Structure formats: C-alpha cells, structure tokens
Amino acid sequence: MEAVTTIARNVARIELRGEFTFEGHRAFKLACQQVLDTEGVDHLEIDLSGVDYLDSAALGMLLLLNERFGHRTIRLLRAKGSVRAVLDMANFSRVFVLE
C-alpha cells in the first residue's frame, strides 16, 4: 500500500492506494505520524478512492488513529464497492464522517 500525505493550513489529507491490510501498517503509521506531528491540523481527510480492499487490521488502524486524533474531525472519502460495504457493516459512520 502507498500513503501520500499533503497538509494545507489546518487540513491534512492522506491518500491511500492499494490493499489496506496489516502489511500496509508501516506506510499508514508514517503518514499518520506526520499529520499528528504537524501543529494546527484539526481536520483529516483519508481518501480511499485508490483502495480496492481492506481487512480488519485496517479497521483497527483507523480506530486507533481516531483515538489519537482526539476531538478533531476525520473524514473517510470516496470509499467504493466492497471497501464502502465493509465500512458500512462495521458502522464506521458512527465514528467517522463518510463521504
């Protein structure tokens, strides 16, 4: 998996590409750490349009990120197909903003 991070003012975006599984935890962790280390970021967007598969480890990584990001907003963007179905089945709309 590839994770590309961009930060503009108070909004960070992580664009993920490939299969979001345990094997991608290092790339995801590095991208998240970059966001968490940047002062003033209070909105995070995670673009899932390039993700064609995610597993339970990916769901766990997203939940851990949510805990670390605190009260700030995380949006999961452009999830499609089976990725969106998994997020819906896991009731992630109760934790994240799904767009």
PDB file of N, CA and C in Angstrom:
ATOM      1  N   MET A   1       0.831  -1.171   0.000  1.00  0.00           N
ATOM      2  CA  MET A   1       0.000   0.000   0.000  1.00  0.00           C
ATOM      3  C   MET A   1       0.881   1.242   0.000  1.00  0.00           C
ATOM      4  N   GLU A   2       0.401   2.266  -0.638  1.00  0.00           N
ATOM      5  CA  GLU A   2       1.086   3.548  -0.672  1.00  0.00           C
ATOM      6  C   GLU A   2       0.222   4.583   0.039  1.00  0.00           C
ATOM      7  N   ALA A   3       0.857   5.452   0.816  1.00  0.00           N
ATOM      8  CA  ALA A   3       0.160   6.525   1.530  1.00  0.00           C
ATOM      9  C   ALA A   3       0.868   7.843   1.226  1.00  0.00           C
ATOM     10  N   VAL A   4       0.125   8.782   0.647  1.00  0.00           N
ATOM     11  CA  VAL A   4       0.673  10.086   0.296  1.00  0.00           C
ATOM     12  C   VAL A   4      -0.027  11.138   1.144  1.00  0.00           C
ATOM     13  N   THR A   5       0.769  11.928   1.862  1.00  0.00           N
ATOM     14  CA  THR A   5       0.222  12.931   2.771  1.00  0.00           C
ATOM     15  C   THR A   5       0.447  14.334   2.223  1.00  0.00           C
ATOM     16  N   THR A   6      -0.600  15.145   2.294  1.00  0.00           N
ATOM     17  CA  THR A   6      -0.487  16.567   1.985  1.00  0.00           C
ATOM     18  C   THR A   6      -1.134  17.338   3.125  1.00  0.00           C
ATOM     19  N   ILE A   7      -0.552  18.475   3.447  1.00  0.00           N
ATOM     20  CA  ILE A   7      -1.075  19.305   4.533  1.00  0.00           C
ATOM     21  C   ILE A   7      -1.149  20.744   4.037  1.00  0.00           C
ATOM     22  N   ALA A   8      -2.326  21.331   4.169  1.00  0.00           N
ATOM     23  CA  ALA A   8      -2.535  22.729   3.786  1.00  0.00           C
ATOM     24  C   ALA A   8      -3.326  23.406   4.903  1.00  0.00           C
ATOM     25  N   ARG A   9      -2.668  24.351   5.548  1.00  0.00           N
ATOM     26  CA  ARG A   9      -3.237  25.068   6.692  1.00  0.00           C
ATOM     27  C   ARG A   9      -3.634  24.089   7.779  1.00  0.00           C
ATOM     28  N   ASN A  10      -4.924  24.014   8.092  1.00  0.00           N
ATOM     29  CA  ASN A  10      -5.360  23.153   9.192  1.00  0.00           C
ATOM     30  C   ASN A  10      -5.945  21.828   8.722  1.00  0.00           C
ATOM     31  N   VAL A  11      -5.832  21.524   7.412  1.00  0.00           N
ATOM     32  CA  VAL A  11      -6.403  20.298   6.858  1.00  0.00           C
ATOM     33  C   VAL A  11      -5.293  19.414   6.298  1.00  0.00           C
ATOM     34  N   ALA A  12      -5.302  18.164   6.728  1.00  0.00           N
ATOM     35  CA  ALA A  12      -4.364  17.174   6.200  1.00  0.00           C
ATOM     36  C   ALA A  12      -5.148  16.150   5.394  1.00  0.00           C
ATOM     37  N   ARG A  13      -4.494  15.613   4.375  1.00  0.00           N
ATOM     38  CA  ARG A  13      -5.119  14.565   3.561  1.00  0.00           C
ATOM     39  C   ARG A  13      -4.115  13.439   3.385  1.00  0.00           C
ATOM     40  N   ILE A  14      -4.593  12.235   3.613  1.00  0.00           N
ATOM     41  CA  ILE A  14      -3.803  11.039   3.345  1.00  0.00           C
ATOM     42  C   ILE A  14      -4.513  10.281   2.232  1.00  0.00           C
ATOM     43  N   GLU A  15      -3.823  10.115   1.121  1.00  0.00           N
ATOM     44  CA  GLU A  15      -4.378   9.368   0.002  1.00  0.00           C
ATOM     45  C   GLU A  15      -3.769   7.968   0.013  1.00  0.00           C
ATOM     46  N   LEU A  16      -4.636   6.967   0.117  1.00  0.00           N
ATOM     47  CA  LEU A  16      -4.184   5.582   0.173  1.00  0.00           C
ATOM     48  C   LEU A  16      -4.416   4.903  -1.163  1.00  0.00           C
ATOM     49  N   ARG A  17      -3.462   4.069  -1.565  1.00  0.00           N
ATOM     50  CA  ARG A  17      -3.578   3.321  -2.821  1.00  0.00           C
ATOM     51  C   ARG A  17      -3.137   1.879  -2.586  1.00  0.00           C
ATOM     52  N   GLY A  18      -3.927   0.964  -3.104  1.00  0.00           N
ATOM     53  CA  GLY A  18      -3.590  -0.448  -2.986  1.00  0.00           C
ATOM     54  C   GLY A  18      -4.466  -1.151  -1.973  1.00  0.00           C
ATOM     55  N   GLU A  19      -3.989  -2.266  -1.469  1.00  0.00           N
ATOM     56  CA  GLU A  19      -4.729  -3.030  -0.464  1.00  0.00           C
ATOM     57  C   GLU A  19      -4.363  -2.528   0.924  1.00  0.00           C
ATOM     58  N   PHE A  20      -5.360  -2.100   1.669  1.00  0.00           N
ATOM     59  CA  PHE A  20      -5.173  -1.571   3.014  1.00  0.00           C
ATOM     60  C   PHE A  20      -5.311  -2.741   3.991  1.00  0.00           C
ATOM     61  N   THR A  21      -4.169  -3.354   4.308  1.00  0.00           N
ATOM     62  CA  THR A  21      -4.129  -4.525   5.180  1.00  0.00           C
ATOM     63  C   THR A  21      -3.019  -4.328   6.209  1.00  0.00           C
ATOM     64  N   PHE A  22      -2.819  -5.321   7.036  1.00  0.00           N
ATOM     65  CA  PHE A  22      -1.768  -5.251   8.045  1.00  0.00           C
ATOM     66  C   PHE A  22      -0.407  -4.959   7.415  1.00  0.00           C
ATOM     67  N   GLU A  23      -0.167  -5.485   6.226  1.00  0.00           N
ATOM     68  CA  GLU A  23       1.115  -5.266   5.563  1.00  0.00           C
ATOM     69  C   GLU A  23       1.372  -3.786   5.280  1.00  0.00           C
ATOM     70  N   GLY A  24       0.318  -2.983   5.222  1.00  0.00           N
ATOM     71  CA  GLY A  24       0.463  -1.560   4.966  1.00  0.00           C
ATOM     72  C   GLY A  24       0.540  -0.712   6.215  1.00  0.00           C
ATOM     73  N   HIS A  25       0.638  -1.359   7.374  1.00  0.00           N
ATOM     74  CA  HIS A  25       0.592  -0.589   8.622  1.00  0.00           C
ATOM     75  C   HIS A  25       1.742   0.401   8.752  1.00  0.00           C
ATOM     76  N   ARG A  26       2.902   0.050   8.240  1.00  0.00           N
ATOM     77  CA  ARG A  26       4.046   0.962   8.367  1.00  0.00           C
ATOM     78  C   ARG A  26       3.831   2.251   7.572  1.00  0.00           C
ATOM     79  N   ALA A  27       3.391   2.112   6.322  1.00  0.00           N
ATOM     80  CA  ALA A  27       3.126   3.295   5.486  1.00  0.00           C
ATOM     81  C   ALA A  27       2.022   4.144   6.099  1.00  0.00           C
ATOM     82  N   PHE A  28       0.973   3.492   6.600  1.00  0.00           N
ATOM     83  CA  PHE A  28      -0.136   4.223   7.214  1.00  0.00           C
ATOM     84  C   PHE A  28       0.324   4.925   8.488  1.00  0.00           C
ATOM     85  N   LYS A  29       1.099   4.229   9.305  1.00  0.00           N
ATOM     86  CA  LYS A  29       1.583   4.812  10.553  1.00  0.00           C
ATOM     87  C   LYS A  29       2.465   6.031  10.292  1.00  0.00           C
ATOM     88  N   LEU A  30       3.356   5.942   9.318  1.00  0.00           N
ATOM     89  CA  LEU A  30       4.229   7.070   8.992  1.00  0.00           C
ATOM     90  C   LEU A  30       3.421   8.278   8.511  1.00  0.00           C
ATOM     91  N   ALA A  31       2.420   8.032   7.679  1.00  0.00           N
ATOM     92  CA  ALA A  31       1.574   9.119   7.189  1.00  0.00           C
ATOM     93  C   ALA A  31       0.805   9.760   8.340  1.00  0.00           C
ATOM     94  N   CYS A  32       0.266   8.939   9.207  1.00  0.00           N
ATOM     95  CA  CYS A  32      -0.497   9.448  10.355  1.00  0.00           C
ATOM     96  C   CYS A  32       0.400  10.222  11.311  1.00  0.00           C
ATOM     97  N   GLN A  33       1.595   9.724  11.531  1.00  0.00           N
ATOM     98  CA  GLN A  33       2.509  10.404  12.445  1.00  0.00           C
ATOM     99  C   GLN A  33       2.879  11.777  11.922  1.00  0.00           C
ATOM    100  N   GLN A  34       3.046  11.883  10.608  1.00  0.00           N
ATOM    101  CA  GLN A  34       3.338  13.181  10.004  1.00  0.00           C
ATOM    102  C   GLN A  34       2.202  14.161  10.287  1.00  0.00           C
ATOM    103  N   VAL A  35       0.984  13.696  10.188  1.00  0.00           N
ATOM    104  CA  VAL A  35      -0.181  14.547  10.470  1.00  0.00           C
ATOM    105  C   VAL A  35      -0.229  14.908  11.949  1.00  0.00           C
ATOM    106  N   LEU A  36      -0.046  13.924  12.803  1.00  0.00           N
ATOM    107  CA  LEU A  36      -0.131  14.160  14.247  1.00  0.00           C
ATOM    108  C   LEU A  36       0.977  15.088  14.734  1.00  0.00           C
ATOM    109  N   ASP A  37       2.118  15.067  14.070  1.00  0.00           N
ATOM    110  CA  ASP A  37       3.248  15.907  14.463  1.00  0.00           C
ATOM    111  C   ASP A  37       3.143  17.337  13.944  1.00  0.00           C
ATOM    112  N   THR A  38       2.183  17.601  13.062  1.00  0.00           N
ATOM    113  CA  THR A  38       2.023  18.931  12.482  1.00  0.00           C
ATOM    114  C   THR A  38       1.058  19.741  13.335  1.00  0.00           C
ATOM    115  N   GLU A  39       1.561  20.791  13.907  1.00  0.00           N
ATOM    116  CA  GLU A  39       0.752  21.631  14.772  1.00  0.00           C
ATOM    117  C   GLU A  39      -0.321  22.360  13.964  1.00  0.00           C
ATOM    118  N   GLY A  40      -1.502  22.463  14.540  1.00  0.00           N
ATOM    119  CA  GLY A  40      -2.584  23.223  13.926  1.00  0.00           C
ATOM    120  C   GLY A  40      -3.520  22.428  13.041  1.00  0.00           C
ATOM    121  N   VAL A  41      -3.225  21.165  12.781  1.00  0.00           N
ATOM    122  CA  VAL A  41      -4.112  20.352  11.940  1.00  0.00           C
ATOM    123  C   VAL A  41      -5.305  19.925  12.791  1.00  0.00           C
ATOM    124  N   ASP A  42      -6.506  20.329  12.349  1.00  0.00           N
ATOM    125  CA  ASP A  42      -7.689  19.920  13.099  1.00  0.00           C
ATOM    126  C   ASP A  42      -8.713  19.177  12.248  1.00  0.00           C
ATOM    127  N   HIS A  43      -8.393  18.955  10.973  1.00  0.00           N
ATOM    128  CA  HIS A  43      -9.236  18.151  10.087  1.00  0.00           C
ATOM    129  C   HIS A  43      -8.333  17.198   9.312  1.00  0.00           C
ATOM    130  N   LEU A  44      -8.762  15.948   9.239  1.00  0.00           N
ATOM    131  CA  LEU A  44      -8.018  14.951   8.483  1.00  0.00           C
ATOM    132  C   LEU A  44      -8.963  14.291   7.503  1.00  0.00           C
ATOM    133  N   GLU A  45      -8.544  14.227   6.250  1.00  0.00           N
ATOM    134  CA  GLU A  45      -9.287  13.532   5.218  1.00  0.00           C
ATOM    135  C   GLU A  45      -8.460  12.337   4.771  1.00  0.00           C
ATOM    136  N   ILE A  46      -9.090  11.175   4.735  1.00  0.00           N
ATOM    137  CA  ILE A  46      -8.422   9.980   4.244  1.00  0.00           C
ATOM    138  C   ILE A  46      -9.143   9.561   2.967  1.00  0.00           C
ATOM    139  N   ASP A  47      -8.446   9.699   1.845  1.00  0.00           N
ATOM    140  CA  ASP A  47      -9.011   9.403   0.533  1.00  0.00           C
ATOM    141  C   ASP A  47      -8.829   7.912   0.258  1.00  0.00           C
ATOM    142  N   LEU A  48      -9.936   7.200   0.179  1.00  0.00           N
ATOM    143  CA  LEU A  48      -9.916   5.758  -0.030  1.00  0.00           C
ATOM    144  C   LEU A  48     -10.247   5.362  -1.466  1.00  0.00           C
ATOM    145  N   SER A  49     -10.275   6.331  -2.377  1.00  0.00           N
ATOM    146  CA  SER A  49     -10.660   6.026  -3.763  1.00  0.00           C
ATOM    147  C   SER A  49      -9.692   5.050  -4.439  1.00  0.00           C
ATOM    148  N   GLY A  50      -8.447   5.003  -3.989  1.00  0.00           N
ATOM    149  CA  GLY A  50      -7.464   4.096  -4.565  1.00  0.00           C
ATOM    150  C   GLY A  50      -7.335   2.780  -3.831  1.00  0.00           C
ATOM    151  N   VAL A  51      -8.198   2.550  -2.846  1.00  0.00           N
ATOM    152  CA  VAL A  51      -8.156   1.309  -2.059  1.00  0.00           C
ATOM    153  C   VAL A  51      -9.202   0.345  -2.614  1.00  0.00           C
ATOM    154  N   ASP A  52      -8.766  -0.844  -2.994  1.00  0.00           N
ATOM    155  CA  ASP A  52      -9.708  -1.826  -3.526  1.00  0.00           C
ATOM    156  C   ASP A  52      -9.995  -2.964  -2.552  1.00  0.00           C
ATOM    157  N   TYR A  53      -9.316  -2.953  -1.410  1.00  0.00           N
ATOM    158  CA  TYR A  53      -9.550  -3.998  -0.396  1.00  0.00           C
ATOM    159  C   TYR A  53      -9.050  -3.483   0.937  1.00  0.00           C
ATOM    160  N   LEU A  54      -9.812  -3.777   1.994  1.00  0.00           N
ATOM    161  CA  LEU A  54      -9.309  -3.524   3.347  1.00  0.00           C
ATOM    162  C   LEU A  54      -9.758  -4.656   4.251  1.00  0.00           C
ATOM    163  N   ASP A  55      -8.953  -4.913   5.279  1.00  0.00           N
ATOM    164  CA  ASP A  55      -9.265  -6.007   6.197  1.00  0.00           C
ATOM    165  C   ASP A  55      -9.492  -5.477   7.602  1.00  0.00           C
ATOM    166  N   SER A  56      -9.681  -6.379   8.551  1.00  0.00           N
ATOM    167  CA  SER A  56      -9.967  -5.970   9.928  1.00  0.00           C
ATOM    168  C   SER A  56      -8.795  -5.216  10.551  1.00  0.00           C
ATOM    169  N   ALA A  57      -7.579  -5.510  10.133  1.00  0.00           N
ATOM    170  CA  ALA A  57      -6.420  -4.760  10.643  1.00  0.00           C
ATOM    171  C   ALA A  57      -6.519  -3.299  10.226  1.00  0.00           C
ATOM    172  N   ALA A  58      -6.966  -3.047   9.005  1.00  0.00           N
ATOM    173  CA  ALA A  58      -7.142  -1.671   8.536  1.00  0.00           C
ATOM    174  C   ALA A  58      -8.206  -0.960   9.365  1.00  0.00           C
ATOM    175  N   LEU A  59      -9.287  -1.652   9.668  1.00  0.00           N
ATOM    176  CA  LEU A  59     -10.326  -1.050  10.507  1.00  0.00           C
ATOM    177  C   LEU A  59      -9.748  -0.691  11.876  1.00  0.00           C
ATOM    178  N   GLY A  60      -8.941  -1.583  12.420  1.00  0.00           N
ATOM    179  CA  GLY A  60      -8.306  -1.317  13.705  1.00  0.00           C
ATOM    180  C   GLY A  60      -7.367  -0.125  13.645  1.00  0.00           C
ATOM    181  N   MET A  61      -6.613  -0.007  12.561  1.00  0.00           N
ATOM    182  CA  MET A  61      -5.701   1.129  12.421  1.00  0.00           C
ATOM    183  C   MET A  61      -6.479   2.444  12.351  1.00  0.00           C
ATOM    184  N   LEU A  62      -7.605   2.438  11.663  1.00  0.00           N
ATOM    185  CA  LEU A  62      -8.435   3.644  11.584  1.00  0.00           C
ATOM    186  C   LEU A  62      -8.993   4.013  12.962  1.00  0.00           C
ATOM    187  N   LEU A  63      -9.417   3.009  13.724  1.00  0.00           N
ATOM    188  CA  LEU A  63      -9.943   3.286  15.068  1.00  0.00           C
ATOM    189  C   LEU A  63      -8.856   3.820  15.997  1.00  0.00           C
ATOM    190  N   LEU A  64      -7.656   3.267  15.912  1.00  0.00           N
ATOM    191  CA  LEU A  64      -6.551   3.777  16.727  1.00  0.00           C
ATOM    192  C   LEU A  64      -6.199   5.210  16.345  1.00  0.00           C
ATOM    193  N   LEU A  65      -6.220   5.502  15.051  1.00  0.00           N
ATOM    194  CA  LEU A  65      -5.975   6.873  14.608  1.00  0.00           C
ATOM    195  C   LEU A  65      -7.031   7.808  15.175  1.00  0.00           C
ATOM    196  N   ASN A  66      -8.274   7.380  15.165  1.00  0.00           N
ATOM    197  CA  ASN A  66      -9.348   8.204  15.710  1.00  0.00           C
ATOM    198  C   ASN A  66      -9.100   8.533  17.181  1.00  0.00           C
ATOM    199  N   GLU A  67      -8.643   7.560  17.948  1.00  0.00           N
ATOM    200  CA  GLU A  67      -8.327   7.804  19.366  1.00  0.00           C
ATOM    201  C   GLU A  67      -7.202   8.815  19.509  1.00  0.00           C
ATOM    202  N   ARG A  68      -6.171   8.675  18.694  1.00  0.00           N
ATOM    203  CA  ARG A  68      -5.016   9.574  18.788  1.00  0.00           C
ATOM    204  C   ARG A  68      -5.331  10.972  18.282  1.00  0.00           C
ATOM    205  N   PHE A  69      -6.266  11.091  17.342  1.00  0.00           N
ATOM    206  CA  PHE A  69      -6.599  12.390  16.757  1.00  0.00           C
ATOM    207  C   PHE A  69      -7.528  13.191  17.668  1.00  0.00           C
ATOM    208  N   GLY A  70      -8.096  12.509  18.657  1.00  0.00           N
ATOM    209  CA  GLY A  70      -8.899  13.206  19.662  1.00  0.00           C
ATOM    210  C   GLY A  70     -10.211  13.741  19.127  1.00  0.00           C
ATOM    211  N   HIS A  71     -10.554  14.937  19.535  1.00  0.00           N
ATOM    212  CA  HIS A  71     -11.842  15.544  19.199  1.00  0.00           C
ATOM    213  C   HIS A  71     -11.901  16.090  17.775  1.00  0.00           C
ATOM    214  N   ARG A  72     -10.805  16.036  17.075  1.00  0.00           N
ATOM    215  CA  ARG A  72     -10.753  16.601  15.728  1.00  0.00           C
ATOM    216  C   ARG A  72     -11.464  15.699  14.708  1.00  0.00           C
ATOM    217  N   THR A  73     -11.851  16.272  13.591  1.00  0.00           N
ATOM    218  CA  THR A  73     -12.658  15.596  12.581  1.00  0.00           C
ATOM    219  C   THR A  73     -11.811  14.745  11.636  1.00  0.00           C
ATOM    220  N   ILE A  74     -12.278  13.509  11.407  1.00  0.00           N
ATOM    221  CA  ILE A  74     -11.681  12.645  10.388  1.00  0.00           C
ATOM    222  C   ILE A  74     -12.777  12.289   9.389  1.00  0.00           C
ATOM    223  N   ARG A  75     -12.500  12.544   8.111  1.00  0.00           N
ATOM    224  CA  ARG A  75     -13.422  12.196   7.043  1.00  0.00           C
ATOM    225  C   ARG A  75     -12.804  11.068   6.209  1.00  0.00           C
ATOM    226  N   LEU A  76     -13.595  10.040   5.957  1.00  0.00           N
ATOM    227  CA  LEU A  76     -13.182   8.956   5.063  1.00  0.00           C
ATOM    228  C   LEU A  76     -13.867   9.234   3.731  1.00  0.00           C
ATOM    229  N   LEU A  77     -13.070   9.527   2.718  1.00  0.00           N
ATOM    230  CA  LEU A  77     -13.600   9.992   1.443  1.00  0.00           C
ATOM    231  C   LEU A  77     -13.551   8.937   0.354  1.00  0.00           C
ATOM    232  N   ARG A  78     -14.576   8.939  -0.470  1.00  0.00           N
ATOM    233  CA  ARG A  78     -14.630   8.237  -1.750  1.00  0.00           C
ATOM    234  C   ARG A  78     -14.402   6.731  -1.666  1.00  0.00           C
ATOM    235  N   ALA A  79     -14.813   6.118  -0.572  1.00  0.00           N
ATOM    236  CA  ALA A  79     -14.745   4.657  -0.490  1.00  0.00           C
ATOM    237  C   ALA A  79     -15.775   4.087  -1.461  1.00  0.00           C
ATOM    238  N   LYS A  80     -15.404   3.027  -2.154  1.00  0.00           N
ATOM    239  CA  LYS A  80     -16.306   2.461  -3.148  1.00  0.00           C
ATOM    240  C   LYS A  80     -16.353   0.938  -3.039  1.00  0.00           C
ATOM    241  N   GLY A  81     -17.382   0.365  -3.586  1.00  0.00           N
ATOM    242  CA  GLY A  81     -17.517  -1.085  -3.691  1.00  0.00           C
ATOM    243  C   GLY A  81     -17.438  -1.803  -2.359  1.00  0.00           C
ATOM    244  N   SER A  82     -16.610  -2.842  -2.318  1.00  0.00           N
ATOM    245  CA  SER A  82     -16.514  -3.668  -1.112  1.00  0.00           C
ATOM    246  C   SER A  82     -15.895  -2.896   0.052  1.00  0.00           C
ATOM    247  N   VAL A  83     -15.055  -1.908  -0.244  1.00  0.00           N
ATOM    248  CA  VAL A  83     -14.467  -1.097   0.829  1.00  0.00           C
ATOM    249  C   VAL A  83     -15.573  -0.332   1.545  1.00  0.00           C
ATOM    250  N   ARG A  84     -16.467   0.288   0.794  1.00  0.00           N
ATOM    251  CA  ARG A  84     -17.589   1.024   1.397  1.00  0.00           C
ATOM    252  C   ARG A  84     -18.508   0.061   2.152  1.00  0.00           C
ATOM    253  N   ALA A  85     -18.736  -1.118   1.588  1.00  0.00           N
ATOM    254  CA  ALA A  85     -19.599  -2.100   2.238  1.00  0.00           C
ATOM    255  C   ALA A  85     -19.032  -2.527   3.591  1.00  0.00           C
ATOM    256  N   VAL A  86     -17.729  -2.739   3.665  1.00  0.00           N
ATOM    257  CA  VAL A  86     -17.096  -3.121   4.935  1.00  0.00           C
ATOM    258  C   VAL A  86     -17.225  -1.993   5.954  1.00  0.00           C
ATOM    259  N   LEU A  87     -16.983  -0.755   5.522  1.00  0.00           N
ATOM    260  CA  LEU A  87     -17.118   0.392   6.439  1.00  0.00           C
ATOM    261  C   LEU A  87     -18.551   0.517   6.948  1.00  0.00           C
ATOM    262  N   ASP A  88     -19.518   0.294   6.063  1.00  0.00           N
ATOM    263  CA  ASP A  88     -20.925   0.364   6.464  1.00  0.00           C
ATOM    264  C   ASP A  88     -21.282  -0.762   7.443  1.00  0.00           C
ATOM    265  N   MET A  89     -20.816  -1.973   7.165  1.00  0.00           N
ATOM    266  CA  MET A  89     -21.112  -3.110   8.044  1.00  0.00           C
ATOM    267  C   MET A  89     -20.489  -2.921   9.424  1.00  0.00           C
ATOM    268  N   ALA A  90     -19.341  -2.251   9.476  1.00  0.00           N
ATOM    269  CA  ALA A  90     -18.656  -2.007  10.746  1.00  0.00           C
ATOM    270  C   ALA A  90     -19.193  -0.762  11.449  1.00  0.00           C
ATOM    271  N   ASN A  91     -20.239  -0.156  10.893  1.00  0.00           N
ATOM    272  CA  ASN A  91     -20.860   1.046  11.473  1.00  0.00           C
ATOM    273  C   ASN A  91     -19.868   2.188  11.670  1.00  0.00           C
ATOM    274  N   PHE A  92     -18.949   2.339  10.736  1.00  0.00           N
ATOM    275  CA  PHE A  92     -17.937   3.407  10.866  1.00  0.00           C
ATOM    276  C   PHE A  92     -18.542   4.799  10.721  1.00  0.00           C
ATOM    277  N   SER A  93     -19.761   4.883  10.224  1.00  0.00           N
ATOM    278  CA  SER A  93     -20.410   6.204  10.140  1.00  0.00           C
ATOM    279  C   SER A  93     -20.719   6.754  11.521  1.00  0.00           C
ATOM    280  N   ARG A  94     -20.660   5.931  12.544  1.00  0.00           N
ATOM    281  CA  ARG A  94     -20.881   6.402  13.922  1.00  0.00           C
ATOM    282  C   ARG A  94     -19.610   7.042  14.491  1.00  0.00           C
ATOM    283  N   VAL A  95     -18.476   6.732  13.890  1.00  0.00           N
ATOM    284  CA  VAL A  95     -17.194   7.215  14.395  1.00  0.00           C
ATOM    285  C   VAL A  95     -16.580   8.269  13.473  1.00  0.00           C
ATOM    286  N   PHE A  96     -16.727   8.057  12.169  1.00  0.00           N
ATOM    287  CA  PHE A  96     -16.119   8.924  11.163  1.00  0.00           C
ATOM    288  C   PHE A  96     -17.208   9.559  10.313  1.00  0.00           C
ATOM    289  N   VAL A  97     -16.833  10.615   9.623  1.00  0.00           N
ATOM    290  CA  VAL A  97     -17.686  11.180   8.578  1.00  0.00           C
ATOM    291  C   VAL A  97     -17.355  10.434   7.297  1.00  0.00           C
ATOM    292  N   LEU A  98     -18.344   9.762   6.719  1.00  0.00           N
ATOM    293  CA  LEU A  98     -18.138   9.015   5.472  1.00  0.00           C
ATOM    294  C   LEU A  98     -18.715   9.830   4.322  1.00  0.00           C
ATOM    295  N   GLU A  99     -17.883  10.135   3.353  1.00  0.00           N
ATOM    296  CA  GLU A  99     -18.342  10.900   2.185  1.00  0.00           C
ATOM    297  C   GLU A  99     -17.935  10.193   0.921  1.00  0.00           C
TER     298      GLU A  99
END
